[in-house]
């Protein structure tokens, strides 16, 4: 599978756990860290953890190596490093504070509509 497929798997996993305001930024040519950033949030610590766990589990089921997960226990901002796709799962309160969408405002939004409707 390619990076686009991994992106769709991760977005679908977040949606399956009712993550809110899911968006994907195309970071190609902007960041050396990853090709795509996923940003979403949950409304409670438990939901944030459930979203992060689902993303990790679905990626691993398909043979992707999860490089690292940070912030899981605190559940305020969980980073899931899937290699070329990095997911940021925020608690609702933290997302508004950090505003990653604005920080990376020059990155184009990736169309994730098909992943959310499959």
PDB file of N, CA and C in Angstrom:
ATOM      1  N   UNK A   1       0.827  -1.190   0.000  1.00  0.00           N
ATOM      2  CA  UNK A   1       0.000   0.000   0.000  1.00  0.00           C
ATOM      3  C   UNK A   1       0.868   1.248   0.000  1.00  0.00           C
ATOM      4  N   UNK A   2       0.316   2.305  -0.532  1.00  0.00           N
ATOM      5  CA  UNK A   2       1.055   3.550  -0.595  1.00  0.00           C
ATOM      6  C   UNK A   2       0.599   4.509   0.513  1.00  0.00           C
ATOM      7  N   UNK A   3       1.192   5.680   0.531  1.00  0.00           N
ATOM      8  CA  UNK A   3       0.888   6.666   1.560  1.00  0.00           C
ATOM      9  C   UNK A   3      -0.563   7.122   1.526  1.00  0.00           C
ATOM     10  N   UNK A   4      -1.133   7.204   0.327  1.00  0.00           N
ATOM     11  CA  UNK A   4      -2.545   7.586   0.192  1.00  0.00           C
ATOM     12  C   UNK A   4      -3.452   6.562   0.876  1.00  0.00           C
ATOM     13  N   UNK A   5      -3.133   5.287   0.692  1.00  0.00           N
ATOM     14  CA  UNK A   5      -3.928   4.232   1.333  1.00  0.00           C
ATOM     15  C   UNK A   5      -3.787   4.280   2.851  1.00  0.00           C
ATOM     16  N   UNK A   6      -2.574   4.481   3.327  1.00  0.00           N
ATOM     17  CA  UNK A   6      -2.361   4.598   4.765  1.00  0.00           C
ATOM     18  C   UNK A   6      -3.121   5.795   5.317  1.00  0.00           C
ATOM     19  N   UNK A   7      -3.101   6.895   4.602  1.00  0.00           N
ATOM     20  CA  UNK A   7      -3.853   8.077   5.006  1.00  0.00           C
ATOM     21  C   UNK A   7      -5.332   7.745   5.142  1.00  0.00           C
ATOM     22  N   UNK A   8      -5.895   7.059   4.151  1.00  0.00           N
ATOM     23  CA  UNK A   8      -7.316   6.705   4.183  1.00  0.00           C
ATOM     24  C   UNK A   8      -7.638   5.765   5.340  1.00  0.00           C
ATOM     25  N   UNK A   9      -6.771   4.800   5.594  1.00  0.00           N
ATOM     26  CA  UNK A   9      -6.975   3.865   6.701  1.00  0.00           C
ATOM     27  C   UNK A   9      -7.002   4.612   8.030  1.00  0.00           C
ATOM     28  N   UNK A  10      -6.067   5.518   8.217  1.00  0.00           N
ATOM     29  CA  UNK A  10      -5.983   6.265   9.472  1.00  0.00           C
ATOM     30  C   UNK A  10      -7.173   7.210   9.639  1.00  0.00           C
ATOM     31  N   UNK A  11      -7.569   7.866   8.569  1.00  0.00           N
ATOM     32  CA  UNK A  11      -8.724   8.771   8.620  1.00  0.00           C
ATOM     33  C   UNK A  11      -9.993   7.987   8.935  1.00  0.00           C
ATOM     34  N   UNK A  12     -10.164   6.848   8.278  1.00  0.00           N
ATOM     35  CA  UNK A  12     -11.351   6.005   8.528  1.00  0.00           C
ATOM     36  C   UNK A  12     -11.365   5.517   9.974  1.00  0.00           C
ATOM     37  N   UNK A  13     -10.208   5.132  10.501  1.00  0.00           N
ATOM     38  CA  UNK A  13     -10.122   4.673  11.889  1.00  0.00           C
ATOM     39  C   UNK A  13     -10.537   5.791  12.846  1.00  0.00           C
ATOM     40  N   UNK A  14     -10.083   7.006  12.583  1.00  0.00           N
ATOM     41  CA  UNK A  14     -10.468   8.139  13.429  1.00  0.00           C
ATOM     42  C   UNK A  14     -11.974   8.378  13.357  1.00  0.00           C
ATOM     43  N   UNK A  15     -12.504   8.318  12.149  1.00  0.00           N
ATOM     44  CA  UNK A  15     -13.936   8.527  11.959  1.00  0.00           C
ATOM     45  C   UNK A  15     -14.757   7.434  12.651  1.00  0.00           C
ATOM     46  N   UNK A  16     -14.256   6.210  12.616  1.00  0.00           N
ATOM     47  CA  UNK A  16     -14.962   5.096  13.259  1.00  0.00           C
ATOM     48  C   UNK A  16     -15.110   5.302  14.762  1.00  0.00           C
ATOM     49  N   UNK A  17     -14.193   6.051  15.361  1.00  0.00           N
ATOM     50  CA  UNK A  17     -14.262   6.342  16.797  1.00  0.00           C
ATOM     51  C   UNK A  17     -14.825   7.733  17.054  1.00  0.00           C
ATOM     52  N   UNK A  18     -15.491   8.268  16.048  1.00  0.00           N
ATOM     53  CA  UNK A  18     -16.203   9.533  16.141  1.00  0.00           C
ATOM     54  C   UNK A  18     -15.309  10.748  16.443  1.00  0.00           C
ATOM     55  N   UNK A  19     -14.115  10.723  15.862  1.00  0.00           N
ATOM     56  CA  UNK A  19     -13.255  11.903  15.954  1.00  0.00           C
ATOM     57  C   UNK A  19     -13.962  13.065  15.269  1.00  0.00           C
ATOM     58  N   UNK A  20     -13.722  14.259  15.748  1.00  0.00           N
ATOM     59  CA  UNK A  20     -14.384  15.430  15.196  1.00  0.00           C
ATOM     60  C   UNK A  20     -13.414  16.290  14.397  1.00  0.00           C
ATOM     61  N   UNK A  21     -13.980  16.985  13.420  1.00  0.00           N
ATOM     62  CA  UNK A  21     -13.243  17.940  12.595  1.00  0.00           C
ATOM     63  C   UNK A  21     -11.939  17.339  12.057  1.00  0.00           C
ATOM     64  N   UNK A  22     -12.076  16.193  11.394  1.00  0.00           N
ATOM     65  CA  UNK A  22     -10.905  15.500  10.834  1.00  0.00           C
ATOM     66  C   UNK A  22     -10.451  16.232   9.576  1.00  0.00           C
ATOM     67  N   UNK A  23      -9.160  16.510   9.520  1.00  0.00           N
ATOM     68  CA  UNK A  23      -8.607  17.056   8.287  1.00  0.00           C
ATOM     69  C   UNK A  23      -7.225  16.472   8.055  1.00  0.00           C
ATOM     70  N   UNK A  24      -6.827  16.484   6.810  1.00  0.00           N
ATOM     71  CA  UNK A  24      -5.503  15.985   6.436  1.00  0.00           C
ATOM     72  C   UNK A  24      -4.789  17.067   5.644  1.00  0.00           C
ATOM     73  N   UNK A  25      -3.555  17.332   6.040  1.00  0.00           N
ATOM     74  CA  UNK A  25      -2.728  18.317   5.355  1.00  0.00           C
ATOM     75  C   UNK A  25      -1.692  17.600   4.506  1.00  0.00           C
ATOM     76  N   UNK A  26      -1.551  18.021   3.276  1.00  0.00           N
ATOM     77  CA  UNK A  26      -0.532  17.472   2.389  1.00  0.00           C
ATOM     78  C   UNK A  26       0.762  18.229   2.675  1.00  0.00           C
ATOM     79  N   UNK A  27       1.693  17.554   3.309  1.00  0.00           N
ATOM     80  CA  UNK A  27       2.940  18.186   3.761  1.00  0.00           C
ATOM     81  C   UNK A  27       4.099  17.957   2.786  1.00  0.00           C
ATOM     82  N   UNK A  28       3.833  17.346   1.639  1.00  0.00           N
ATOM     83  CA  UNK A  28       4.894  17.075   0.678  1.00  0.00           C
ATOM     84  C   UNK A  28       5.496  18.395   0.193  1.00  0.00           C
ATOM     85  N   UNK A  29       6.800  18.498   0.308  1.00  0.00           N
ATOM     86  CA  UNK A  29       7.493  19.710  -0.091  1.00  0.00           C
ATOM     87  C   UNK A  29       7.475  20.803   0.969  1.00  0.00           C
ATOM     88  N   UNK A  30       6.786  20.566   2.074  1.00  0.00           N
ATOM     89  CA  UNK A  30       6.694  21.552   3.155  1.00  0.00           C
ATOM     90  C   UNK A  30       7.451  21.074   4.386  1.00  0.00           C
ATOM     91  N   UNK A  31       7.300  19.793   4.693  1.00  0.00           N
ATOM     92  CA  UNK A  31       7.929  19.226   5.883  1.00  0.00           C
ATOM     93  C   UNK A  31       8.703  17.972   5.512  1.00  0.00           C
ATOM     94  N   UNK A  32       9.839  17.801   6.145  1.00  0.00           N
ATOM     95  CA  UNK A  32      10.625  16.580   5.945  1.00  0.00           C
ATOM     96  C   UNK A  32      10.148  15.464   6.874  1.00  0.00           C
ATOM     97  N   UNK A  33       9.285  15.799   7.812  1.00  0.00           N
ATOM     98  CA  UNK A  33       8.824  14.838   8.811  1.00  0.00           C
ATOM     99  C   UNK A  33       7.901  13.788   8.207  1.00  0.00           C
ATOM    100  N   UNK A  34       6.944  14.239   7.396  1.00  0.00           N
ATOM    101  CA  UNK A  34       5.937  13.319   6.858  1.00  0.00           C
ATOM    102  C   UNK A  34       5.323  13.899   5.593  1.00  0.00           C
ATOM    103  N   UNK A  35       4.677  13.024   4.821  1.00  0.00           N
ATOM    104  CA  UNK A  35       3.961  13.476   3.631  1.00  0.00           C
ATOM    105  C   UNK A  35       2.579  14.028   3.984  1.00  0.00           C
ATOM    106  N   UNK A  36       1.972  13.481   5.048  1.00  0.00           N
ATOM    107  CA  UNK A  36       0.632  13.897   5.447  1.00  0.00           C
ATOM    108  C   UNK A  36       0.546  14.044   6.962  1.00  0.00           C
ATOM    109  N   UNK A  37      -0.168  15.057   7.395  1.00  0.00           N
ATOM    110  CA  UNK A  37      -0.548  15.220   8.795  1.00  0.00           C
ATOM    111  C   UNK A  37      -2.060  15.059   8.866  1.00  0.00           C
ATOM    112  N   UNK A  38      -2.508  14.274   9.806  1.00  0.00           N
ATOM    113  CA  UNK A  38      -3.927  14.188  10.118  1.00  0.00           C
ATOM    114  C   UNK A  38      -4.115  14.938  11.428  1.00  0.00           C
ATOM    115  N   UNK A  39      -5.139  15.772  11.481  1.00  0.00           N
ATOM    116  CA  UNK A  39      -5.470  16.499  12.702  1.00  0.00           C
ATOM    117  C   UNK A  39      -6.943  16.258  12.998  1.00  0.00           C
ATOM    118  N   UNK A  40      -7.228  15.865  14.243  1.00  0.00           N
ATOM    119  CA  UNK A  40      -8.606  15.657  14.664  1.00  0.00           C
ATOM    120  C   UNK A  40      -8.671  15.815  16.178  1.00  0.00           C
ATOM    121  N   UNK A  41      -9.880  15.724  16.721  1.00  0.00           N
ATOM    122  CA  UNK A  41      -9.985  15.799  18.171  1.00  0.00           C
ATOM    123  C   UNK A  41     -11.127  14.946  18.693  1.00  0.00           C
ATOM    124  N   UNK A  42     -11.007  14.646  19.981  1.00  0.00           N
ATOM    125  CA  UNK A  42     -12.046  13.956  20.717  1.00  0.00           C
ATOM    126  C   UNK A  42     -12.495  14.841  21.860  1.00  0.00           C
ATOM    127  N   UNK A  43     -13.616  14.489  22.474  1.00  0.00           N
ATOM    128  CA  UNK A  43     -14.203  15.333  23.504  1.00  0.00           C
ATOM    129  C   UNK A  43     -13.894  14.893  24.928  1.00  0.00           C
ATOM    130  N   UNK A  44     -13.187  13.790  25.079  1.00  0.00           N
ATOM    131  CA  UNK A  44     -12.815  13.313  26.414  1.00  0.00           C
ATOM    132  C   UNK A  44     -11.482  12.577  26.309  1.00  0.00           C
ATOM    133  N   UNK A  45     -10.849  12.368  27.465  1.00  0.00           N
ATOM    134  CA  UNK A  45      -9.590  11.624  27.482  1.00  0.00           C
ATOM    135  C   UNK A  45      -9.782  10.230  26.895  1.00  0.00           C
ATOM    136  N   UNK A  46     -10.861   9.574  27.290  1.00  0.00           N
ATOM    137  CA  UNK A  46     -11.130   8.204  26.816  1.00  0.00           C
ATOM    138  C   UNK A  46     -11.330   8.165  25.306  1.00  0.00           C
ATOM    139  N   UNK A  47     -12.040   9.153  24.775  1.00  0.00           N
ATOM    140  CA  UNK A  47     -12.260   9.176  23.327  1.00  0.00           C
ATOM    141  C   UNK A  47     -10.956   9.436  22.582  1.00  0.00           C
ATOM    142  N   UNK A  48     -10.141  10.337  23.090  1.00  0.00           N
ATOM    143  CA  UNK A  48      -8.841  10.618  22.465  1.00  0.00           C
ATOM    144  C   UNK A  48      -8.018   9.332  22.411  1.00  0.00           C
ATOM    145  N   UNK A  49      -7.983   8.586  23.517  1.00  0.00           N
ATOM    146  CA  UNK A  49      -7.235   7.331  23.562  1.00  0.00           C
ATOM    147  C   UNK A  49      -7.837   6.296  22.613  1.00  0.00           C
ATOM    148  N   UNK A  50      -9.151   6.236  22.530  1.00  0.00           N
ATOM    149  CA  UNK A  50      -9.802   5.276  21.636  1.00  0.00           C
ATOM    150  C   UNK A  50      -9.479   5.576  20.174  1.00  0.00           C
ATOM    151  N   UNK A  51      -9.473   6.844  19.813  1.00  0.00           N
ATOM    152  CA  UNK A  51      -9.141   7.241  18.440  1.00  0.00           C
ATOM    153  C   UNK A  51      -7.706   6.837  18.124  1.00  0.00           C
ATOM    154  N   UNK A  52      -6.780   7.175  19.014  1.00  0.00           N
ATOM    155  CA  UNK A  52      -5.363   6.854  18.796  1.00  0.00           C
ATOM    156  C   UNK A  52      -5.148   5.348  18.694  1.00  0.00           C
ATOM    157  N   UNK A  53      -5.793   4.591  19.571  1.00  0.00           N
ATOM    158  CA  UNK A  53      -5.639   3.129  19.561  1.00  0.00           C
ATOM    159  C   UNK A  53      -6.188   2.531  18.273  1.00  0.00           C
ATOM    160  N   UNK A  54      -7.327   3.026  17.816  1.00  0.00           N
ATOM    161  CA  UNK A  54      -7.927   2.519  16.579  1.00  0.00           C
ATOM    162  C   UNK A  54      -7.020   2.797  15.379  1.00  0.00           C
ATOM    163  N   UNK A  55      -6.432   3.975  15.327  1.00  0.00           N
ATOM    164  CA  UNK A  55      -5.515   4.310  14.226  1.00  0.00           C
ATOM    165  C   UNK A  55      -4.319   3.358  14.241  1.00  0.00           C
ATOM    166  N   UNK A  56      -3.753   3.149  15.415  1.00  0.00           N
ATOM    167  CA  UNK A  56      -2.597   2.257  15.554  1.00  0.00           C
ATOM    168  C   UNK A  56      -2.974   0.825  15.159  1.00  0.00           C
ATOM    169  N   UNK A  57      -4.079   0.333  15.686  1.00  0.00           N
ATOM    170  CA  UNK A  57      -4.490  -1.043  15.432  1.00  0.00           C
ATOM    171  C   UNK A  57      -4.777  -1.298  13.954  1.00  0.00           C
ATOM    172  N   UNK A  58      -5.505  -0.387  13.313  1.00  0.00           N
ATOM    173  CA  UNK A  58      -5.849  -0.576  11.897  1.00  0.00           C
ATOM    174  C   UNK A  58      -4.600  -0.535  11.013  1.00  0.00           C
ATOM    175  N   UNK A  59      -3.668   0.351  11.317  1.00  0.00           N
ATOM    176  CA  UNK A  59      -2.424   0.425  10.544  1.00  0.00           C
ATOM    177  C   UNK A  59      -1.629  -0.872  10.713  1.00  0.00           C
ATOM    178  N   UNK A  60      -1.527  -1.358  11.942  1.00  0.00           N
ATOM    179  CA  UNK A  60      -0.783  -2.593  12.199  1.00  0.00           C
ATOM    180  C   UNK A  60      -1.446  -3.798  11.543  1.00  0.00           C
ATOM    181  N   UNK A  61      -2.767  -3.849  11.535  1.00  0.00           N
ATOM    182  CA  UNK A  61      -3.483  -4.954  10.887  1.00  0.00           C
ATOM    183  C   UNK A  61      -3.107  -5.064   9.411  1.00  0.00           C
ATOM    184  N   UNK A  62      -2.804  -3.929   8.795  1.00  0.00           N
ATOM    185  CA  UNK A  62      -2.456  -3.913   7.372  1.00  0.00           C
ATOM    186  C   UNK A  62      -0.952  -3.987   7.135  1.00  0.00           C
ATOM    187  N   UNK A  63      -0.196  -4.225   8.199  1.00  0.00           N
ATOM    188  CA  UNK A  63       1.234  -4.432   8.055  1.00  0.00           C
ATOM    189  C   UNK A  63       2.096  -3.198   8.144  1.00  0.00           C
ATOM    190  N   UNK A  64       1.512  -2.077   8.504  1.00  0.00           N
ATOM    191  CA  UNK A  64       2.310  -0.864   8.664  1.00  0.00           C
ATOM    192  C   UNK A  64       2.985  -0.875  10.018  1.00  0.00           C
ATOM    193  N   UNK A  65       4.180  -0.317  10.047  1.00  0.00           N
ATOM    194  CA  UNK A  65       4.944  -0.214  11.274  1.00  0.00           C
ATOM    195  C   UNK A  65       4.600   1.106  11.954  1.00  0.00           C
ATOM    196  N   UNK A  66       4.110   1.020  13.182  1.00  0.00           N
ATOM    197  CA  UNK A  66       3.849   2.230  13.957  1.00  0.00           C
ATOM    198  C   UNK A  66       5.159   2.614  14.624  1.00  0.00           C
ATOM    199  N   UNK A  67       5.722   3.718  14.191  1.00  0.00           N
ATOM    200  CA  UNK A  67       7.052   4.125  14.648  1.00  0.00           C
ATOM    201  C   UNK A  67       7.058   4.557  16.110  1.00  0.00           C
ATOM    202  N   UNK A  68       6.035   5.322  16.492  1.00  0.00           N
ATOM    203  CA  UNK A  68       6.008   5.838  17.852  1.00  0.00           C
ATOM    204  C   UNK A  68       4.635   6.421  18.156  1.00  0.00           C
ATOM    205  N   UNK A  69       4.266   6.344  19.418  1.00  0.00           N
ATOM    206  CA  UNK A  69       3.067   7.014  19.924  1.00  0.00           C
ATOM    207  C   UNK A  69       3.493   7.815  21.149  1.00  0.00           C
ATOM    208  N   UNK A  70       3.150   9.081  21.154  1.00  0.00           N
ATOM    209  CA  UNK A  70       3.499   9.943  22.285  1.00  0.00           C
ATOM    210  C   UNK A  70       2.243  10.602  22.825  1.00  0.00           C
ATOM    211  N   UNK A  71       2.188  10.760  24.135  1.00  0.00           N
ATOM    212  CA  UNK A  71       1.093  11.471  24.780  1.00  0.00           C
ATOM    213  C   UNK A  71      -0.145  10.647  25.065  1.00  0.00           C
ATOM    214  N   UNK A  72      -0.072   9.335  24.853  1.00  0.00           N
ATOM    215  CA  UNK A  72      -1.256   8.488  25.002  1.00  0.00           C
ATOM    216  C   UNK A  72      -1.813   8.521  26.427  1.00  0.00           C
ATOM    217  N   UNK A  73      -0.951   8.386  27.417  1.00  0.00           N
ATOM    218  CA  UNK A  73      -1.419   8.327  28.810  1.00  0.00           C
ATOM    219  C   UNK A  73      -2.073   9.632  29.261  1.00  0.00           C
ATOM    220  N   UNK A  74      -1.527  10.754  28.818  1.00  0.00           N
ATOM    221  CA  UNK A  74      -2.095  12.048  29.204  1.00  0.00           C
ATOM    222  C   UNK A  74      -3.372  12.361  28.422  1.00  0.00           C
ATOM    223  N   UNK A  75      -3.449  11.877  27.187  1.00  0.00           N
ATOM    224  CA  UNK A  75      -4.635  12.013  26.322  1.00  0.00           C
ATOM    225  C   UNK A  75      -5.034  13.469  26.077  1.00  0.00           C
ATOM    226  N   UNK A  76      -4.058  14.343  25.991  1.00  0.00           N
ATOM    227  CA  UNK A  76      -4.342  15.741  25.661  1.00  0.00           C
ATOM    228  C   UNK A  76      -3.955  16.030  24.210  1.00  0.00           C
ATOM    229  N   UNK A  77      -2.824  15.467  23.783  1.00  0.00           N
ATOM    230  CA  UNK A  77      -2.353  15.567  22.407  1.00  0.00           C
ATOM    231  C   UNK A  77      -1.575  14.288  22.147  1.00  0.00           C
ATOM    232  N   UNK A  78      -2.178  13.387  21.405  1.00  0.00           N
ATOM    233  CA  UNK A  78      -1.533  12.118  21.097  1.00  0.00           C
ATOM    234  C   UNK A  78      -0.996  12.195  19.672  1.00  0.00           C
ATOM    235  N   UNK A  79       0.277  11.890  19.528  1.00  0.00           N
ATOM    236  CA  UNK A  79       0.914  11.864  18.222  1.00  0.00           C
ATOM    237  C   UNK A  79       1.147  10.409  17.844  1.00  0.00           C
ATOM    238  N   UNK A  80       0.649  10.007  16.678  1.00  0.00           N
ATOM    239  CA  UNK A  80       0.849   8.650  16.177  1.00  0.00           C
ATOM    240  C   UNK A  80       1.689   8.770  14.918  1.00  0.00           C
ATOM    241  N   UNK A  81       2.918   8.269  14.991  1.00  0.00           N
ATOM    242  CA  UNK A  81       3.855   8.340  13.872  1.00  0.00           C
ATOM    243  C   UNK A  81       3.764   7.046  13.082  1.00  0.00           C
ATOM    244  N   UNK A  82       3.164   7.132  11.901  1.00  0.00           N
ATOM    245  CA  UNK A  82       3.017   5.984  11.010  1.00  0.00           C
ATOM    246  C   UNK A  82       4.023   6.060   9.858  1.00  0.00           C
ATOM    247  N   UNK A  83       5.052   6.839  10.044  1.00  0.00           N
ATOM    248  CA  UNK A  83       6.053   7.005   8.990  1.00  0.00           C
ATOM    249  C   UNK A  83       5.721   8.223   8.152  1.00  0.00           C
ATOM    250  N   UNK A  84       5.215   8.001   6.954  1.00  0.00           N
ATOM    251  CA  UNK A  84       4.889   9.108   6.059  1.00  0.00           C
ATOM    252  C   UNK A  84       3.569   9.787   6.392  1.00  0.00           C
ATOM    253  N   UNK A  85       2.843   9.222   7.337  1.00  0.00           N
ATOM    254  CA  UNK A  85       1.601   9.819   7.839  1.00  0.00           C
ATOM    255  C   UNK A  85       1.752   9.992   9.344  1.00  0.00           C
ATOM    256  N   UNK A  86       1.558  11.210   9.811  1.00  0.00           N
ATOM    257  CA  UNK A  86       1.621  11.494  11.245  1.00  0.00           C
ATOM    258  C   UNK A  86       0.257  12.035  11.661  1.00  0.00           C
ATOM    259  N   UNK A  87      -0.330  11.398  12.667  1.00  0.00           N
ATOM    260  CA  UNK A  87      -1.647  11.817  13.148  1.00  0.00           C
ATOM    261  C   UNK A  87      -1.516  12.552  14.471  1.00  0.00           C
ATOM    262  N   UNK A  88      -2.247  13.634  14.582  1.00  0.00           N
ATOM    263  CA  UNK A  88      -2.309  14.429  15.805  1.00  0.00           C
ATOM    264  C   UNK A  88      -3.743  14.331  16.314  1.00  0.00           C
ATOM    265  N   UNK A  89      -3.936  13.642  17.433  1.00  0.00           N
ATOM    266  CA  UNK A  89      -5.263  13.491  18.014  1.00  0.00           C
ATOM    267  C   UNK A  89      -5.295  14.335  19.284  1.00  0.00           C
ATOM    268  N   UNK A  90      -6.062  15.380  19.239  1.00  0.00           N
ATOM    269  CA  UNK A  90      -6.130  16.323  20.349  1.00  0.00           C
ATOM    270  C   UNK A  90      -7.364  16.090  21.207  1.00  0.00           C
ATOM    271  N   UNK A  91      -7.267  16.505  22.456  1.00  0.00           N
ATOM    272  CA  UNK A  91      -8.457  16.746  23.256  1.00  0.00           C
ATOM    273  C   UNK A  91      -9.002  18.074  22.734  1.00  0.00           C
ATOM    274  N   UNK A  92     -10.294  18.232  22.688  1.00  0.00           N
ATOM    275  CA  UNK A  92     -10.916  19.427  22.106  1.00  0.00           C
ATOM    276  C   UNK A  92     -10.281  20.721  22.631  1.00  0.00           C
ATOM    277  N   UNK A  93     -10.056  20.803  23.936  1.00  0.00           N
ATOM    278  CA  UNK A  93      -9.506  22.023  24.536  1.00  0.00           C
ATOM    279  C   UNK A  93      -8.092  22.321  24.032  1.00  0.00           C
ATOM    280  N   UNK A  94      -7.290  21.297  23.848  1.00  0.00           N
ATOM    281  CA  UNK A  94      -5.903  21.478  23.409  1.00  0.00           C
ATOM    282  C   UNK A  94      -5.826  21.874  21.938  1.00  0.00           C
ATOM    283  N   UNK A  95      -6.711  21.345  21.134  1.00  0.00           N
ATOM    284  CA  UNK A  95      -6.665  21.659  19.699  1.00  0.00           C
ATOM    285  C   UNK A  95      -6.825  23.159  19.469  1.00  0.00           C
ATOM    286  N   UNK A  96      -7.747  23.754  20.169  1.00  0.00           N
ATOM    287  CA  UNK A  96      -7.958  25.188  20.035  1.00  0.00           C
ATOM    288  C   UNK A  96      -6.768  26.006  20.506  1.00  0.00           C
ATOM    289  N   UNK A  97      -6.033  25.479  21.451  1.00  0.00           N
ATOM    290  CA  UNK A  97      -4.866  26.182  21.977  1.00  0.00           C
ATOM    291  C   UNK A  97      -3.686  26.128  21.006  1.00  0.00           C
ATOM    292  N   UNK A  98      -3.410  24.943  20.468  1.00  0.00           N
ATOM    293  CA  UNK A  98      -2.223  24.781  19.614  1.00  0.00           C
ATOM    294  C   UNK A  98      -2.438  25.209  18.171  1.00  0.00           C
ATOM    295  N   UNK A  99      -3.643  25.072  17.655  1.00  0.00           N
ATOM    296  CA  UNK A  99      -3.995  25.548  16.310  1.00  0.00           C
ATOM    297  C   UNK A  99      -2.994  25.114  15.232  1.00  0.00           C
ATOM    298  N   UNK A 100      -2.731  23.809  15.159  1.00  0.00           N
ATOM    299  CA  UNK A 100      -1.784  23.309  14.152  1.00  0.00           C
ATOM    300  C   UNK A 100      -2.213  23.648  12.733  1.00  0.00           C
ATOM    301  N   UNK A 101      -3.508  23.696  12.488  1.00  0.00           N
ATOM    302  CA  UNK A 101      -3.988  24.034  11.144  1.00  0.00           C
ATOM    303  C   UNK A 101      -3.462  25.402  10.718  1.00  0.00           C
ATOM    304  N   UNK A 102      -3.416  26.323  11.660  1.00  0.00           N
ATOM    305  CA  UNK A 102      -2.923  27.669  11.349  1.00  0.00           C
ATOM    306  C   UNK A 102      -1.404  27.665  11.205  1.00  0.00           C
ATOM    307  N   UNK A 103      -0.726  26.910  12.070  1.00  0.00           N
ATOM    308  CA  UNK A 103       0.735  26.821  12.004  1.00  0.00           C
ATOM    309  C   UNK A 103       1.192  26.306  10.633  1.00  0.00           C
ATOM    310  N   UNK A 104       0.476  25.321  10.117  1.00  0.00           N
ATOM    311  CA  UNK A 104       0.805  24.737   8.815  1.00  0.00           C
ATOM    312  C   UNK A 104      -0.177  25.230   7.749  1.00  0.00           C
ATOM    313  N   UNK A 105      -0.594  26.468   7.853  1.00  0.00           N
ATOM    314  CA  UNK A 105      -1.606  27.037   6.969  1.00  0.00           C
ATOM    315  C   UNK A 105      -1.244  27.040   5.497  1.00  0.00           C
ATOM    316  N   UNK A 106       0.055  26.939   5.179  1.00  0.00           N
ATOM    317  CA  UNK A 106       0.456  26.916   3.774  1.00  0.00           C
ATOM    318  C   UNK A 106       0.340  25.524   3.165  1.00  0.00           C
ATOM    319  N   UNK A 107       0.020  24.521   3.982  1.00  0.00           N
ATOM    320  CA  UNK A 107      -0.138  23.150   3.474  1.00  0.00           C
ATOM    321  C   UNK A 107      -1.546  22.977   2.907  1.00  0.00           C
ATOM    322  N   UNK A 108      -1.657  22.448   1.694  1.00  0.00           N
ATOM    323  CA  UNK A 108      -2.993  22.235   1.121  1.00  0.00           C
ATOM    324  C   UNK A 108      -3.739  21.115   1.843  1.00  0.00           C
ATOM    325  N   UNK A 109      -5.047  21.265   1.920  1.00  0.00           N
ATOM    326  CA  UNK A 109      -5.885  20.216   2.485  1.00  0.00           C
ATOM    327  C   UNK A 109      -5.993  19.063   1.506  1.00  0.00           C
ATOM    328  N   UNK A 110      -5.924  17.870   2.014  1.00  0.00           N
ATOM    329  CA  UNK A 110      -6.083  16.659   1.205  1.00  0.00           C
ATOM    330  C   UNK A 110      -7.559  16.271   1.238  1.00  0.00           C
ATOM    331  N   UNK A 111      -8.084  15.826   0.111  1.00  0.00           N
ATOM    332  CA  UNK A 111      -9.480  15.400   0.052  1.00  0.00           C
ATOM    333  C   UNK A 111      -9.617  14.036   0.733  1.00  0.00           C
ATOM    334  N   UNK A 112     -10.293  14.014   1.872  1.00  0.00           N
ATOM    335  CA  UNK A 112     -10.486  12.759   2.611  1.00  0.00           C
ATOM    336  C   UNK A 112     -11.941  12.312   2.574  1.00  0.00           C
ATOM    337  N   UNK A 113     -12.727  12.986   1.741  1.00  0.00           N
ATOM    338  CA  UNK A 113     -14.161  12.690   1.649  1.00  0.00           C
ATOM    339  C   UNK A 113     -14.432  11.228   1.318  1.00  0.00           C
ATOM    340  N   UNK A 114     -13.660  10.659   0.388  1.00  0.00           N
ATOM    341  CA  UNK A 114     -13.883   9.267  -0.016  1.00  0.00           C
ATOM    342  C   UNK A 114     -13.594   8.295   1.129  1.00  0.00           C
ATOM    343  N   UNK A 115     -12.596   8.612   1.945  1.00  0.00           N
ATOM    344  CA  UNK A 115     -12.261   7.745   3.084  1.00  0.00           C
ATOM    345  C   UNK A 115     -13.365   7.785   4.132  1.00  0.00           C
ATOM    346  N   UNK A 116     -13.983   8.947   4.295  1.00  0.00           N
ATOM    347  CA  UNK A 116     -15.019   9.102   5.315  1.00  0.00           C
ATOM    348  C   UNK A 116     -16.348   8.486   4.883  1.00  0.00           C
ATOM    349  N   UNK A 117     -16.513   8.273   3.602  1.00  0.00           N
ATOM    350  CA  UNK A 117     -17.777   7.737   3.098  1.00  0.00           C
ATOM    351  C   UNK A 117     -17.682   6.288   2.655  1.00  0.00           C
ATOM    352  N   UNK A 118     -16.600   5.620   3.042  1.00  0.00           N
ATOM    353  CA  UNK A 118     -16.460   4.216   2.619  1.00  0.00           C
ATOM    354  C   UNK A 118     -16.793   3.268   3.746  1.00  0.00           C
TER     355      UNK A 118
END
